[in-house]
């Protein structure tokens, strides 16, 4: 499974960005996709996830501001980020979990930088 992210960039506080992550390759069995983020010196943290059935989960820090969605026909997951704050500055990584007979396998994208200046 390959994950290709796009949509990061520089945005002023209060602005919006939409991240996209397209999955390709042997994508059969992907049960969940999502976004994590990381800043230097800190652990990678969950932002939002969505299951193949559409169930979504969010970090408390982004609830009400971020919305995750997926287009199963395009094998793509989106993260709409509104009311961005400087604390949202991070590298955002797309993640996919694939359930196969041998177990669950996790894949990561290369990351996309989101910068919200203070």
PDB file of N, CA and C in Angstrom:
ATOM      1  N   UNK A   1       0.857  -1.189   0.000  1.00  0.00           N
ATOM      2  CA  UNK A   1       0.000   0.000   0.000  1.00  0.00           C
ATOM      3  C   UNK A   1       0.891   1.236   0.000  1.00  0.00           C
ATOM      4  N   UNK A   2       0.601   2.137  -0.923  1.00  0.00           N
ATOM      5  CA  UNK A   2       1.301   3.424  -0.957  1.00  0.00           C
ATOM      6  C   UNK A   2       0.306   4.527  -0.643  1.00  0.00           C
ATOM      7  N   UNK A   3       0.758   5.496   0.134  1.00  0.00           N
ATOM      8  CA  UNK A   3      -0.088   6.611   0.530  1.00  0.00           C
ATOM      9  C   UNK A   3       0.552   7.899   0.038  1.00  0.00           C
ATOM     10  N   UNK A   4      -0.201   8.688  -0.709  1.00  0.00           N
ATOM     11  CA  UNK A   4       0.310   9.948  -1.236  1.00  0.00           C
ATOM     12  C   UNK A   4      -0.518  11.095  -0.681  1.00  0.00           C
ATOM     13  N   UNK A   5       0.135  11.945   0.078  1.00  0.00           N
ATOM     14  CA  UNK A   5      -0.529  13.074   0.730  1.00  0.00           C
ATOM     15  C   UNK A   5      -0.351  14.341  -0.084  1.00  0.00           C
ATOM     16  N   UNK A   6      -1.296  15.236   0.083  1.00  0.00           N
ATOM     17  CA  UNK A   6      -1.197  16.554  -0.541  1.00  0.00           C
ATOM     18  C   UNK A   6      -2.047  17.530   0.248  1.00  0.00           C
ATOM     19  N   UNK A   7      -1.798  18.813   0.048  1.00  0.00           N
ATOM     20  CA  UNK A   7      -2.654  19.840   0.610  1.00  0.00           C
ATOM     21  C   UNK A   7      -2.078  20.641   1.749  1.00  0.00           C
ATOM     22  N   UNK A   8      -0.894  20.322   2.211  1.00  0.00           N
ATOM     23  CA  UNK A   8      -0.305  21.103   3.282  1.00  0.00           C
ATOM     24  C   UNK A   8       0.141  22.473   2.808  1.00  0.00           C
ATOM     25  N   UNK A   9       0.571  23.307   3.751  1.00  0.00           N
ATOM     26  CA  UNK A   9       1.036  24.619   3.377  1.00  0.00           C
ATOM     27  C   UNK A   9       1.025  25.581   4.541  1.00  0.00           C
ATOM     28  N   UNK A  10       1.161  26.847   4.217  1.00  0.00           N
ATOM     29  CA  UNK A  10       1.164  27.926   5.191  1.00  0.00           C
ATOM     30  C   UNK A  10      -0.192  28.617   5.164  1.00  0.00           C
ATOM     31  N   UNK A  11      -0.796  28.780   6.327  1.00  0.00           N
ATOM     32  CA  UNK A  11      -2.094  29.435   6.416  1.00  0.00           C
ATOM     33  C   UNK A  11      -2.130  30.292   7.669  1.00  0.00           C
ATOM     34  N   UNK A  12      -2.784  31.427   7.581  1.00  0.00           N
ATOM     35  CA  UNK A  12      -2.886  32.333   8.728  1.00  0.00           C
ATOM     36  C   UNK A  12      -3.839  31.782   9.771  1.00  0.00           C
ATOM     37  N   UNK A  13      -3.675  32.161  11.031  1.00  0.00           N
ATOM     38  CA  UNK A  13      -4.610  31.717  12.073  1.00  0.00           C
ATOM     39  C   UNK A  13      -6.053  32.023  11.677  1.00  0.00           C
ATOM     40  N   UNK A  14      -6.911  31.054  11.943  1.00  0.00           N
ATOM     41  CA  UNK A  14      -8.312  31.190  11.574  1.00  0.00           C
ATOM     42  C   UNK A  14      -8.629  30.691  10.176  1.00  0.00           C
ATOM     43  N   UNK A  15      -7.619  30.389   9.419  1.00  0.00           N
ATOM     44  CA  UNK A  15      -7.812  29.932   8.042  1.00  0.00           C
ATOM     45  C   UNK A  15      -8.108  28.446   7.948  1.00  0.00           C
ATOM     46  N   UNK A  16      -8.192  27.969   6.715  1.00  0.00           N
ATOM     47  CA  UNK A  16      -8.562  26.571   6.463  1.00  0.00           C
ATOM     48  C   UNK A  16      -7.602  25.933   5.471  1.00  0.00           C
ATOM     49  N   UNK A  17      -7.467  24.631   5.603  1.00  0.00           N
ATOM     50  CA  UNK A  17      -6.726  23.812   4.652  1.00  0.00           C
ATOM     51  C   UNK A  17      -7.444  22.480   4.527  1.00  0.00           C
ATOM     52  N   UNK A  18      -7.280  21.831   3.387  1.00  0.00           N
ATOM     53  CA  UNK A  18      -7.789  20.470   3.228  1.00  0.00           C
ATOM     54  C   UNK A  18      -6.643  19.563   2.798  1.00  0.00           C
ATOM     55  N   UNK A  19      -6.402  18.548   3.585  1.00  0.00           N
ATOM     56  CA  UNK A  19      -5.405  17.539   3.259  1.00  0.00           C
ATOM     57  C   UNK A  19      -6.079  16.370   2.553  1.00  0.00           C
ATOM     58  N   UNK A  20      -5.357  15.789   1.615  1.00  0.00           N
ATOM     59  CA  UNK A  20      -5.840  14.601   0.911  1.00  0.00           C
ATOM     60  C   UNK A  20      -4.802  13.498   1.013  1.00  0.00           C
ATOM     61  N   UNK A  21      -5.273  12.273   1.045  1.00  0.00           N
ATOM     62  CA  UNK A  21      -4.370  11.120   1.077  1.00  0.00           C
ATOM     63  C   UNK A  21      -4.974  10.042   0.187  1.00  0.00           C
ATOM     64  N   UNK A  22      -4.266   9.709  -0.878  1.00  0.00           N
ATOM     65  CA  UNK A  22      -4.740   8.698  -1.816  1.00  0.00           C
ATOM     66  C   UNK A  22      -3.960   7.403  -1.618  1.00  0.00           C
ATOM     67  N   UNK A  23      -4.696   6.313  -1.457  1.00  0.00           N
ATOM     68  CA  UNK A  23      -4.075   5.001  -1.302  1.00  0.00           C
ATOM     69  C   UNK A  23      -4.023   4.288  -2.642  1.00  0.00           C
ATOM     70  N   UNK A  24      -2.916   3.596  -2.882  1.00  0.00           N
ATOM     71  CA  UNK A  24      -2.774   2.832  -4.126  1.00  0.00           C
ATOM     72  C   UNK A  24      -2.014   1.548  -3.839  1.00  0.00           C
ATOM     73  N   UNK A  25      -1.969   0.678  -4.829  1.00  0.00           N
ATOM     74  CA  UNK A  25      -1.312  -0.615  -4.639  1.00  0.00           C
ATOM     75  C   UNK A  25      -2.309  -1.677  -4.228  1.00  0.00           C
ATOM     76  N   UNK A  26      -1.878  -2.583  -3.360  1.00  0.00           N
ATOM     77  CA  UNK A  26      -2.748  -3.676  -2.909  1.00  0.00           C
ATOM     78  C   UNK A  26      -3.578  -3.179  -1.730  1.00  0.00           C
ATOM     79  N   UNK A  27      -4.678  -2.524  -2.044  1.00  0.00           N
ATOM     80  CA  UNK A  27      -5.463  -1.817  -1.035  1.00  0.00           C
ATOM     81  C   UNK A  27      -6.601  -2.645  -0.480  1.00  0.00           C
ATOM     82  N   UNK A  28      -6.707  -3.889  -0.906  1.00  0.00           N
ATOM     83  CA  UNK A  28      -7.778  -4.731  -0.382  1.00  0.00           C
ATOM     84  C   UNK A  28      -7.618  -4.887   1.127  1.00  0.00           C
ATOM     85  N   UNK A  29      -8.707  -4.743   1.859  1.00  0.00           N
ATOM     86  CA  UNK A  29      -8.666  -4.992   3.284  1.00  0.00           C
ATOM     87  C   UNK A  29      -8.332  -3.792   4.149  1.00  0.00           C
ATOM     88  N   UNK A  30      -8.232  -2.616   3.546  1.00  0.00           N
ATOM     89  CA  UNK A  30      -7.988  -1.423   4.380  1.00  0.00           C
ATOM     90  C   UNK A  30      -9.237  -1.164   5.199  1.00  0.00           C
ATOM     91  N   UNK A  31      -9.091  -1.196   6.514  1.00  0.00           N
ATOM     92  CA  UNK A  31     -10.235  -1.066   7.402  1.00  0.00           C
ATOM     93  C   UNK A  31     -10.351   0.322   8.018  1.00  0.00           C
ATOM     94  N   UNK A  32      -9.260   1.061   8.015  1.00  0.00           N
ATOM     95  CA  UNK A  32      -9.307   2.397   8.591  1.00  0.00           C
ATOM     96  C   UNK A  32      -8.193   3.233   7.985  1.00  0.00           C
ATOM     97  N   UNK A  33      -8.462   4.515   7.860  1.00  0.00           N
ATOM     98  CA  UNK A  33      -7.455   5.479   7.441  1.00  0.00           C
ATOM     99  C   UNK A  33      -7.553   6.685   8.361  1.00  0.00           C
ATOM    100  N   UNK A  34      -6.483   7.431   8.435  1.00  0.00           N
ATOM    101  CA  UNK A  34      -6.542   8.568   9.320  1.00  0.00           C
ATOM    102  C   UNK A  34      -5.332   9.465   9.198  1.00  0.00           C
ATOM    103  N   UNK A  35      -5.288  10.421  10.096  1.00  0.00           N
ATOM    104  CA  UNK A  35      -4.217  11.408  10.131  1.00  0.00           C
ATOM    105  C   UNK A  35      -3.632  11.490  11.536  1.00  0.00           C
ATOM    106  N   UNK A  36      -2.340  11.549  11.581  1.00  0.00           N
ATOM    107  CA  UNK A  36      -1.599  11.832  12.795  1.00  0.00           C
ATOM    108  C   UNK A  36      -0.727  13.047  12.508  1.00  0.00           C
ATOM    109  N   UNK A  37      -0.209  13.654  13.554  1.00  0.00           N
ATOM    110  CA  UNK A  37       0.691  14.793  13.360  1.00  0.00           C
ATOM    111  C   UNK A  37       1.824  14.731  14.362  1.00  0.00           C
ATOM    112  N   UNK A  38       2.921  15.394  13.995  1.00  0.00           N
ATOM    113  CA  UNK A  38       4.101  15.374  14.848  1.00  0.00           C
ATOM    114  C   UNK A  38       4.860  16.676  14.717  1.00  0.00           C
ATOM    115  N   UNK A  39       5.323  17.173  15.876  1.00  0.00           N
ATOM    116  CA  UNK A  39       6.209  18.328  15.915  1.00  0.00           C
ATOM    117  C   UNK A  39       7.542  17.860  16.461  1.00  0.00           C
ATOM    118  N   UNK A  40       8.618  18.566  16.132  1.00  0.00           N
ATOM    119  CA  UNK A  40       9.944  18.127  16.603  1.00  0.00           C
ATOM    120  C   UNK A  40       9.994  18.005  18.118  1.00  0.00           C
ATOM    121  N   UNK A  41      10.546  16.909  18.580  1.00  0.00           N
ATOM    122  CA  UNK A  41      10.699  16.699  20.008  1.00  0.00           C
ATOM    123  C   UNK A  41       9.497  16.102  20.702  1.00  0.00           C
ATOM    124  N   UNK A  42       8.428  15.875  19.968  1.00  0.00           N
ATOM    125  CA  UNK A  42       7.230  15.290  20.568  1.00  0.00           C
ATOM    126  C   UNK A  42       6.839  14.021  19.822  1.00  0.00           C
ATOM    127  N   UNK A  43       6.037  13.206  20.486  1.00  0.00           N
ATOM    128  CA  UNK A  43       5.568  11.978  19.857  1.00  0.00           C
ATOM    129  C   UNK A  43       4.494  12.293  18.819  1.00  0.00           C
ATOM    130  N   UNK A  44       4.379  11.388  17.866  1.00  0.00           N
ATOM    131  CA  UNK A  44       3.321  11.522  16.873  1.00  0.00           C
ATOM    132  C   UNK A  44       1.986  11.296  17.579  1.00  0.00           C
ATOM    133  N   UNK A  45       1.005  12.137  17.273  1.00  0.00           N
ATOM    134  CA  UNK A  45      -0.288  12.042  17.945  1.00  0.00           C
ATOM    135  C   UNK A  45      -1.415  11.902  16.941  1.00  0.00           C
ATOM    136  N   UNK A  46      -2.462  11.217  17.409  1.00  0.00           N
ATOM    137  CA  UNK A  46      -3.648  11.031  16.596  1.00  0.00           C
ATOM    138  C   UNK A  46      -4.355  12.358  16.375  1.00  0.00           C
ATOM    139  N   UNK A  47      -4.789  12.595  15.146  1.00  0.00           N
ATOM    140  CA  UNK A  47      -5.641  13.736  14.839  1.00  0.00           C
ATOM    141  C   UNK A  47      -7.071  13.248  14.593  1.00  0.00           C
ATOM    142  N   UNK A  48      -7.232  12.347  13.643  1.00  0.00           N
ATOM    143  CA  UNK A  48      -8.559  11.828  13.309  1.00  0.00           C
ATOM    144  C   UNK A  48      -8.410  10.528  12.531  1.00  0.00           C
ATOM    145  N   UNK A  49      -9.383   9.646  12.720  1.00  0.00           N
ATOM    146  CA  UNK A  49      -9.422   8.409  11.945  1.00  0.00           C
ATOM    147  C   UNK A  49     -10.841   8.173  11.453  1.00  0.00           C
ATOM    148  N   UNK A  50     -10.944   7.362  10.417  1.00  0.00           N
ATOM    149  CA  UNK A  50     -12.248   7.002   9.882  1.00  0.00           C
ATOM    150  C   UNK A  50     -12.182   5.556   9.404  1.00  0.00           C
ATOM    151  N   UNK A  51     -13.205   4.790   9.748  1.00  0.00           N
ATOM    152  CA  UNK A  51     -13.239   3.388   9.357  1.00  0.00           C
ATOM    153  C   UNK A  51     -13.843   3.236   7.955  1.00  0.00           C
ATOM    154  N   UNK A  52     -13.750   2.037   7.433  1.00  0.00           N
ATOM    155  CA  UNK A  52     -14.326   1.781   6.118  1.00  0.00           C
ATOM    156  C   UNK A  52     -15.837   1.962   6.127  1.00  0.00           C
ATOM    157  N   UNK A  53     -16.431   1.822   7.302  1.00  0.00           N
ATOM    158  CA  UNK A  53     -17.870   2.034   7.425  1.00  0.00           C
ATOM    159  C   UNK A  53     -18.258   3.475   7.663  1.00  0.00           C
ATOM    160  N   UNK A  54     -17.257   4.345   7.804  1.00  0.00           N
ATOM    161  CA  UNK A  54     -17.539   5.766   7.956  1.00  0.00           C
ATOM    162  C   UNK A  54     -17.502   6.289   9.384  1.00  0.00           C
ATOM    163  N   UNK A  55     -17.214   5.422  10.359  1.00  0.00           N
ATOM    164  CA  UNK A  55     -17.122   5.893  11.730  1.00  0.00           C
ATOM    165  C   UNK A  55     -15.878   6.725  11.955  1.00  0.00           C
ATOM    166  N   UNK A  56     -16.045   7.895  12.551  1.00  0.00           N
ATOM    167  CA  UNK A  56     -14.928   8.822  12.723  1.00  0.00           C
ATOM    168  C   UNK A  56     -14.600   9.022  14.188  1.00  0.00           C
ATOM    169  N   UNK A  57     -13.328   9.293  14.441  1.00  0.00           N
ATOM    170  CA  UNK A  57     -12.836   9.558  15.782  1.00  0.00           C
ATOM    171  C   UNK A  57     -11.871  10.730  15.700  1.00  0.00           C
ATOM    172  N   UNK A  58     -11.944  11.654  16.679  1.00  0.00           N
ATOM    173  CA  UNK A  58     -11.124  12.850  16.653  1.00  0.00           C
ATOM    174  C   UNK A  58     -10.387  13.045  17.974  1.00  0.00           C
ATOM    175  N   UNK A  59      -9.226  13.663  17.887  1.00  0.00           N
ATOM    176  CA  UNK A  59      -8.562  14.145  19.092  1.00  0.00           C
ATOM    177  C   UNK A  59      -9.382  15.292  19.662  1.00  0.00           C
ATOM    178  N   UNK A  60      -9.393  15.411  20.991  1.00  0.00           N
ATOM    179  CA  UNK A  60     -10.170  16.475  21.629  1.00  0.00           C
ATOM    180  C   UNK A  60      -9.748  17.853  21.119  1.00  0.00           C
ATOM    181  N   UNK A  61      -8.486  18.004  20.810  1.00  0.00           N
ATOM    182  CA  UNK A  61      -7.958  19.313  20.427  1.00  0.00           C
ATOM    183  C   UNK A  61      -8.469  19.788  19.071  1.00  0.00           C
ATOM    184  N   UNK A  62      -9.036  18.881  18.270  1.00  0.00           N
ATOM    185  CA  UNK A  62      -9.494  19.286  16.934  1.00  0.00           C
ATOM    186  C   UNK A  62     -10.995  19.131  16.752  1.00  0.00           C
ATOM    187  N   UNK A  63     -11.671  18.575  17.740  1.00  0.00           N
ATOM    188  CA  UNK A  63     -13.118  18.388  17.622  1.00  0.00           C
ATOM    189  C   UNK A  63     -13.809  19.713  17.366  1.00  0.00           C
ATOM    190  N   UNK A  64     -14.725  19.698  16.418  1.00  0.00           N
ATOM    191  CA  UNK A  64     -15.468  20.896  16.072  1.00  0.00           C
ATOM    192  C   UNK A  64     -14.767  21.782  15.060  1.00  0.00           C
ATOM    193  N   UNK A  65     -13.489  21.502  14.791  1.00  0.00           N
ATOM    194  CA  UNK A  65     -12.740  22.315  13.821  1.00  0.00           C
ATOM    195  C   UNK A  65     -12.318  21.490  12.611  1.00  0.00           C
ATOM    196  N   UNK A  66     -11.983  20.226  12.826  1.00  0.00           N
ATOM    197  CA  UNK A  66     -11.519  19.357  11.746  1.00  0.00           C
ATOM    198  C   UNK A  66     -12.604  18.337  11.415  1.00  0.00           C
ATOM    199  N   UNK A  67     -12.663  17.972  10.146  1.00  0.00           N
ATOM    200  CA  UNK A  67     -13.593  16.937   9.694  1.00  0.00           C
ATOM    201  C   UNK A  67     -12.873  15.966   8.782  1.00  0.00           C
ATOM    202  N   UNK A  68     -12.958  14.695   9.120  1.00  0.00           N
ATOM    203  CA  UNK A  68     -12.356  13.657   8.282  1.00  0.00           C
ATOM    204  C   UNK A  68     -13.442  12.998   7.446  1.00  0.00           C
ATOM    205  N   UNK A  69     -13.120  12.692   6.217  1.00  0.00           N
ATOM    206  CA  UNK A  69     -14.064  12.021   5.331  1.00  0.00           C
ATOM    207  C   UNK A  69     -13.283  11.135   4.363  1.00  0.00           C
ATOM    208  N   UNK A  70     -14.003  10.239   3.715  1.00  0.00           N
ATOM    209  CA  UNK A  70     -13.313   9.374   2.761  1.00  0.00           C
ATOM    210  C   UNK A  70     -14.189   9.119   1.552  1.00  0.00           C
ATOM    211  N   UNK A  71     -13.537   8.938   0.425  1.00  0.00           N
ATOM    212  CA  UNK A  71     -14.199   8.580  -0.817  1.00  0.00           C
ATOM    213  C   UNK A  71     -13.710   7.183  -1.160  1.00  0.00           C
ATOM    214  N   UNK A  72     -14.518   6.186  -0.867  1.00  0.00           N
ATOM    215  CA  UNK A  72     -14.088   4.805  -1.063  1.00  0.00           C
ATOM    216  C   UNK A  72     -13.835   4.494  -2.532  1.00  0.00           C
ATOM    217  N   UNK A  73     -14.572   5.138  -3.432  1.00  0.00           N
ATOM    218  CA  UNK A  73     -14.388   4.884  -4.863  1.00  0.00           C
ATOM    219  C   UNK A  73     -13.011   5.358  -5.323  1.00  0.00           C
ATOM    220  N   UNK A  74     -12.500   6.413  -4.677  1.00  0.00           N
ATOM    221  CA  UNK A  74     -11.194   6.964  -5.048  1.00  0.00           C
ATOM    222  C   UNK A  74     -10.096   6.519  -4.092  1.00  0.00           C
ATOM    223  N   UNK A  75     -10.459   5.710  -3.090  1.00  0.00           N
ATOM    224  CA  UNK A  75      -9.484   5.251  -2.088  1.00  0.00           C
ATOM    225  C   UNK A  75      -8.735   6.430  -1.476  1.00  0.00           C
ATOM    226  N   UNK A  76      -9.472   7.470  -1.170  1.00  0.00           N
ATOM    227  CA  UNK A  76      -8.881   8.718  -0.692  1.00  0.00           C
ATOM    228  C   UNK A  76      -9.555   9.154   0.590  1.00  0.00           C
ATOM    229  N   UNK A  77      -8.762   9.656   1.509  1.00  0.00           N
ATOM    230  CA  UNK A  77      -9.272  10.227   2.750  1.00  0.00           C
ATOM    231  C   UNK A  77      -8.884  11.698   2.789  1.00  0.00           C
ATOM    232  N   UNK A  78      -9.777  12.503   3.347  1.00  0.00           N
ATOM    233  CA  UNK A  78      -9.587  13.947   3.405  1.00  0.00           C
ATOM    234  C   UNK A  78      -9.628  14.417   4.860  1.00  0.00           C
ATOM    235  N   UNK A  79      -8.937  15.498   5.117  1.00  0.00           N
ATOM    236  CA  UNK A  79      -9.010  16.151   6.416  1.00  0.00           C
ATOM    237  C   UNK A  79      -9.258  17.637   6.172  1.00  0.00           C
ATOM    238  N   UNK A  80     -10.477  18.064   6.420  1.00  0.00           N
ATOM    239  CA  UNK A  80     -10.813  19.479   6.314  1.00  0.00           C
ATOM    240  C   UNK A  80     -10.492  20.136   7.643  1.00  0.00           C
ATOM    241  N   UNK A  81      -9.601  21.104   7.613  1.00  0.00           N
ATOM    242  CA  UNK A  81      -9.142  21.769   8.823  1.00  0.00           C
ATOM    243  C   UNK A  81      -9.585  23.223   8.786  1.00  0.00           C
ATOM    244  N   UNK A  82     -10.437  23.603   9.708  1.00  0.00           N
ATOM    245  CA  UNK A  82     -10.933  24.973   9.809  1.00  0.00           C
ATOM    246  C   UNK A  82     -10.470  25.600  11.120  1.00  0.00           C
ATOM    247  N   UNK A  83     -10.572  26.900  11.185  1.00  0.00           N
ATOM    248  CA  UNK A  83     -10.208  27.643  12.405  1.00  0.00           C
ATOM    249  C   UNK A  83      -8.827  27.225  12.902  1.00  0.00           C
ATOM    250  N   UNK A  84      -7.877  27.195  12.000  1.00  0.00           N
ATOM    251  CA  UNK A  84      -6.537  26.718  12.349  1.00  0.00           C
ATOM    252  C   UNK A  84      -5.850  27.636  13.338  1.00  0.00           C
ATOM    253  N   UNK A  85      -5.068  27.014  14.224  1.00  0.00           N
ATOM    254  CA  UNK A  85      -4.357  27.717  15.273  1.00  0.00           C
ATOM    255  C   UNK A  85      -2.866  27.447  15.132  1.00  0.00           C
ATOM    256  N   UNK A  86      -2.025  28.303  15.723  1.00  0.00           N
ATOM    257  CA  UNK A  86      -0.576  28.016  15.695  1.00  0.00           C
ATOM    258  C   UNK A  86      -0.229  26.637  16.272  1.00  0.00           C
ATOM    259  N   UNK A  87      -0.987  26.173  17.260  1.00  0.00           N
ATOM    260  CA  UNK A  87      -0.735  24.856  17.849  1.00  0.00           C
ATOM    261  C   UNK A  87      -1.002  23.711  16.864  1.00  0.00           C
ATOM    262  N   UNK A  88      -1.644  24.000  15.759  1.00  0.00           N
ATOM    263  CA  UNK A  88      -1.876  22.965  14.750  1.00  0.00           C
ATOM    264  C   UNK A  88      -0.670  22.777  13.831  1.00  0.00           C
ATOM    265  N   UNK A  89       0.333  23.631  13.979  1.00  0.00           N
ATOM    266  CA  UNK A  89       1.538  23.505  13.177  1.00  0.00           C
ATOM    267  C   UNK A  89       2.222  22.177  13.453  1.00  0.00           C
ATOM    268  N   UNK A  90       2.446  21.407  12.392  1.00  0.00           N
ATOM    269  CA  UNK A  90       3.046  20.076  12.534  1.00  0.00           C
ATOM    270  C   UNK A  90       3.217  19.469  11.151  1.00  0.00           C
ATOM    271  N   UNK A  91       3.922  18.354  11.119  1.00  0.00           N
ATOM    272  CA  UNK A  91       3.909  17.504   9.933  1.00  0.00           C
ATOM    273  C   UNK A  91       2.752  16.528  10.091  1.00  0.00           C
ATOM    274  N   UNK A  92       1.884  16.487   9.112  1.00  0.00           N
ATOM    275  CA  UNK A  92       0.710  15.622   9.161  1.00  0.00           C
ATOM    276  C   UNK A  92       0.974  14.380   8.318  1.00  0.00           C
ATOM    277  N   UNK A  93       0.736  13.227   8.954  1.00  0.00           N
ATOM    278  CA  UNK A  93       0.994  11.946   8.300  1.00  0.00           C
ATOM    279  C   UNK A  93      -0.314  11.197   8.087  1.00  0.00           C
ATOM    280  N   UNK A  94      -0.491  10.670   6.907  1.00  0.00           N
ATOM    281  CA  UNK A  94      -1.618   9.800   6.619  1.00  0.00           C
ATOM    282  C   UNK A  94      -1.263   8.377   7.054  1.00  0.00           C
ATOM    283  N   UNK A  95      -2.237   7.683   7.581  1.00  0.00           N
ATOM    284  CA  UNK A  95      -2.046   6.316   8.044  1.00  0.00           C
ATOM    285  C   UNK A  95      -3.158   5.428   7.511  1.00  0.00           C
ATOM    286  N   UNK A  96      -2.811   4.202   7.152  1.00  0.00           N
ATOM    287  CA  UNK A  96      -3.813   3.221   6.729  1.00  0.00           C
ATOM    288  C   UNK A  96      -3.561   1.907   7.450  1.00  0.00           C
ATOM    289  N   UNK A  97      -4.616   1.284   7.931  1.00  0.00           N
ATOM    290  CA  UNK A  97      -4.553  -0.023   8.579  1.00  0.00           C
ATOM    291  C   UNK A  97      -5.213  -1.044   7.667  1.00  0.00           C
ATOM    292  N   UNK A  98      -4.474  -2.098   7.387  1.00  0.00           N
ATOM    293  CA  UNK A  98      -4.950  -3.138   6.472  1.00  0.00           C
ATOM    294  C   UNK A  98      -5.052  -4.452   7.223  1.00  0.00           C
ATOM    295  N   UNK A  99      -6.234  -5.040   7.204  1.00  0.00           N
ATOM    296  CA  UNK A  99      -6.460  -6.309   7.883  1.00  0.00           C
ATOM    297  C   UNK A  99      -6.392  -7.450   6.879  1.00  0.00           C
ATOM    298  N   UNK A 100      -5.394  -8.305   7.051  1.00  0.00           N
ATOM    299  CA  UNK A 100      -5.229  -9.469   6.192  1.00  0.00           C
ATOM    300  C   UNK A 100      -5.247 -10.726   7.057  1.00  0.00           C
ATOM    301  N   UNK A 101      -5.159 -11.859   6.414  1.00  0.00           N
ATOM    302  CA  UNK A 101      -5.209 -13.119   7.156  1.00  0.00           C
ATOM    303  C   UNK A 101      -4.091 -13.182   8.192  1.00  0.00           C
ATOM    304  N   UNK A 102      -2.931 -12.648   7.862  1.00  0.00           N
ATOM    305  CA  UNK A 102      -1.794 -12.732   8.758  1.00  0.00           C
ATOM    306  C   UNK A 102      -1.790 -11.721   9.873  1.00  0.00           C
ATOM    307  N   UNK A 103      -2.681 -10.761   9.833  1.00  0.00           N
ATOM    308  CA  UNK A 103      -2.714  -9.744  10.862  1.00  0.00           C
ATOM    309  C   UNK A 103      -3.085  -8.387  10.311  1.00  0.00           C
ATOM    310  N   UNK A 104      -2.847  -7.383  11.126  1.00  0.00           N
ATOM    311  CA  UNK A 104      -3.142  -6.005  10.718  1.00  0.00           C
ATOM    312  C   UNK A 104      -1.829  -5.304  10.412  1.00  0.00           C
ATOM    313  N   UNK A 105      -1.763  -4.681   9.262  1.00  0.00           N
ATOM    314  CA  UNK A 105      -0.563  -4.000   8.821  1.00  0.00           C
ATOM    315  C   UNK A 105      -0.837  -2.510   8.724  1.00  0.00           C
ATOM    316  N   UNK A 106       0.129  -1.716   9.159  1.00  0.00           N
ATOM    317  CA  UNK A 106      -0.009  -0.262   9.184  1.00  0.00           C
ATOM    318  C   UNK A 106       0.950   0.367   8.186  1.00  0.00           C
ATOM    319  N   UNK A 107       0.437   1.328   7.443  1.00  0.00           N
ATOM    320  CA  UNK A 107       1.232   2.042   6.444  1.00  0.00           C
ATOM    321  C   UNK A 107       1.150   3.535   6.725  1.00  0.00           C
ATOM    322  N   UNK A 108       2.238   4.237   6.432  1.00  0.00           N
ATOM    323  CA  UNK A 108       2.333   5.679   6.649  1.00  0.00           C
ATOM    324  C   UNK A 108       2.708   6.380   5.358  1.00  0.00           C
ATOM    325  N   UNK A 109       2.163   7.593   5.186  1.00  0.00           N
ATOM    326  CA  UNK A 109       2.610   8.452   4.117  1.00  0.00           C
ATOM    327  C   UNK A 109       3.890   9.166   4.502  1.00  0.00           C
ATOM    328  N   UNK A 110       4.376   9.986   3.601  1.00  0.00           N
ATOM    329  CA  UNK A 110       5.662  10.664   3.824  1.00  0.00           C
ATOM    330  C   UNK A 110       5.524  11.916   4.665  1.00  0.00           C
ATOM    331  N   UNK A 111       4.307  12.378   4.847  1.00  0.00           N
ATOM    332  CA  UNK A 111       4.070  13.564   5.660  1.00  0.00           C
ATOM    333  C   UNK A 111       3.947  14.825   4.831  1.00  0.00           C
ATOM    334  N   UNK A 112       3.137  15.737   5.310  1.00  0.00           N
ATOM    335  CA  UNK A 112       2.977  17.041   4.668  1.00  0.00           C
ATOM    336  C   UNK A 112       2.960  18.110   5.742  1.00  0.00           C
ATOM    337  N   UNK A 113       3.686  19.168   5.527  1.00  0.00           N
ATOM    338  CA  UNK A 113       3.851  20.219   6.541  1.00  0.00           C
ATOM    339  C   UNK A 113       2.660  21.164   6.528  1.00  0.00           C
ATOM    340  N   UNK A 114       2.147  21.432   7.709  1.00  0.00           N
ATOM    341  CA  UNK A 114       1.132  22.463   7.913  1.00  0.00           C
ATOM    342  C   UNK A 114       1.717  23.488   8.876  1.00  0.00           C
ATOM    343  N   UNK A 115       1.713  24.743   8.472  1.00  0.00           N
ATOM    344  CA  UNK A 115       2.289  25.805   9.288  1.00  0.00           C
ATOM    345  C   UNK A 115       1.261  26.904   9.477  1.00  0.00           C
ATOM    346  N   UNK A 116       0.994  27.208  10.763  1.00  0.00           N
ATOM    347  CA  UNK A 116       0.094  28.291  11.132  1.00  0.00           C
ATOM    348  C   UNK A 116       0.906  29.251  11.999  1.00  0.00           C
ATOM    349  N   UNK A 117       1.348  30.358  11.495  1.00  0.00           N
ATOM    350  CA  UNK A 117       2.224  31.240  12.265  1.00  0.00           C
ATOM    351  C   UNK A 117       1.492  31.925  13.398  1.00  0.00           C
ATOM    352  N   UNK A 118       2.222  32.217  14.445  1.00  0.00           N
ATOM    353  CA  UNK A 118       1.620  32.894  15.604  1.00  0.00           C
ATOM    354  C   UNK A 118       1.722  34.403  15.460  1.00  0.00           C
TER     355      UNK A 118
END
